[in-house]
Amino acid sequence: MIMKKKYRHILVNSSAEIDFLNRENERLLKDALLDFMGEDRFAGANPRVIKTIDRNNFVMNCMRGYERDIVLALAFAKEINGVKTGFYTLKISGTIKGLAK
């Protein structure tokens, strides 16, 4: 029987204006997460930026059970593409619609 993959969606606020529609910035964010989490946890989490709300807020998703690892790794990411920033988790939900509530 094939099991459905369950994701958690994370609403994140950045203290600096960073354009995550630019794939280079998304790659640099993933590299920062990889440095903190290690390859095994990063591969299990499979984090992705799936939606950019504005230049300071975006939505990431990851596999269920790894959301705490992603939140912790985001807290330690301090610089993206030479821009100093801080990432703050606003909300975690099982659906994107749940983030809007």
Protein backbone atom coordinates (compact mmCIF):
# COMPACT_ATOMS: atom_id res chain seq x y z
CA MET A 1 0.00 0.00 0.00
CA ILE A 2 1.35 3.42 -0.95
CA MET A 3 1.32 5.96 1.85
CA LYS A 4 0.53 9.60 1.16
CA LYS A 5 3.34 12.00 2.05
CA LYS A 6 2.22 14.43 4.72
CA TYR A 7 3.67 17.92 4.75
CA ARG A 8 3.68 20.76 7.25
CA HIS A 9 3.55 24.34 6.01
CA ILE A 10 5.55 27.01 7.83
CA LEU A 11 4.84 30.74 7.57
CA VAL A 12 8.16 32.57 7.92
CA ASN A 13 8.96 36.26 8.34
CA SER A 14 12.34 37.67 7.32
CA SER A 15 13.70 40.82 8.95
CA ALA A 16 15.25 41.86 5.62
CA GLU A 17 13.62 42.10 2.21
CA ILE A 18 14.74 39.01 0.28
CA ASP A 19 13.17 37.90 -2.99
CA PHE A 20 12.66 34.14 -2.79
CA LEU A 21 11.19 34.07 -6.29
CA ASN A 22 14.86 34.32 -7.26
CA ARG A 23 16.01 30.68 -7.25
CA GLU A 24 19.54 31.68 -6.21
CA ASN A 25 18.24 33.07 -2.90
CA GLU A 26 16.17 29.93 -2.33
CA ARG A 27 19.26 27.79 -2.98
CA LEU A 28 21.28 29.85 -0.49
CA LEU A 29 18.54 29.40 2.13
CA LYS A 30 18.56 25.65 1.54
CA ASP A 31 22.37 25.63 1.88
CA ALA A 32 22.05 27.41 5.25
CA LEU A 33 19.50 24.82 6.41
CA LEU A 34 21.71 21.99 5.16
CA ASP A 35 24.73 23.34 7.07
CA PHE A 36 22.80 23.29 10.33
CA MET A 37 20.72 20.11 9.88
CA GLY A 38 23.15 17.82 8.12
CA GLU A 39 22.46 15.77 5.01
CA ASP A 40 20.40 13.02 6.64
CA ARG A 41 17.90 15.29 8.40
CA PHE A 42 17.78 17.71 5.45
CA ALA A 43 16.97 14.91 2.99
CA GLY A 44 14.24 13.60 5.29
CA ALA A 45 12.73 17.06 5.76
CA ASN A 46 12.75 17.96 2.05
CA PRO A 47 12.22 21.71 2.69
CA ARG A 48 10.96 23.95 -0.12
CA VAL A 49 9.81 27.54 -0.49
CA ILE A 50 6.41 27.11 -2.07
CA LYS A 51 4.88 30.58 -1.90
CA THR A 52 6.14 34.13 -1.50
CA ILE A 53 3.58 36.40 0.15
CA ASP A 54 5.66 39.57 -0.04
CA ARG A 55 9.34 40.45 0.19
CA ASN A 56 9.42 39.71 3.94
CA ASN A 57 7.04 36.73 4.27
CA PHE A 58 7.06 33.34 2.60
CA VAL A 59 5.69 29.83 3.08
CA MET A 60 7.92 26.77 3.28
CA ASN A 61 6.87 23.18 3.48
CA CYS A 62 8.61 20.12 4.87
CA MET A 63 7.77 16.55 5.73
CA ARG A 64 5.73 15.98 8.88
CA GLY A 65 7.93 15.40 11.92
CA TYR A 66 10.76 17.66 10.72
CA GLU A 67 9.09 21.03 11.27
CA ARG A 68 10.92 21.66 14.55
CA ASP A 69 14.26 20.99 12.84
CA ILE A 70 13.41 23.50 10.09
CA VAL A 71 12.30 26.15 12.61
CA LEU A 72 15.51 25.71 14.59
CA ALA A 73 17.69 25.81 11.47
CA LEU A 74 15.90 28.97 10.28
CA ALA A 75 16.61 30.62 13.64
CA PHE A 76 20.34 30.03 13.10
CA ALA A 77 20.40 31.24 9.47
CA LYS A 78 21.70 34.81 9.72
CA GLU A 79 22.76 35.78 6.19
CA ILE A 80 21.40 35.14 2.70
CA ASN A 81 23.29 36.39 -0.37
CA GLY A 82 25.29 38.88 1.70
CA VAL A 83 22.19 40.35 3.37
CA LYS A 84 22.03 40.02 7.14
CA THR A 85 18.61 38.80 8.22
CA GLY A 86 16.71 36.92 10.88
CA PHE A 87 13.98 34.39 10.19
CA TYR A 88 10.98 34.20 12.51
CA THR A 89 8.38 31.44 12.40
CA LEU A 90 4.89 32.92 12.55
CA LYS A 91 2.77 29.77 12.25
CA ILE A 92 2.90 26.06 11.39
CA SER A 93 -0.05 24.25 9.84
CA GLY A 94 -0.96 21.09 7.96
CA THR A 95 -2.53 23.11 5.15
CA ILE A 96 -1.78 26.40 3.44
CA LYS A 97 -5.38 27.43 4.11
CA GLY A 98 -4.75 26.89 7.83
CA LEU A 99 -1.92 29.42 7.77
CA ALA A 100 -4.34 32.15 6.73
CA LYS A 101 -6.52 31.73 9.83
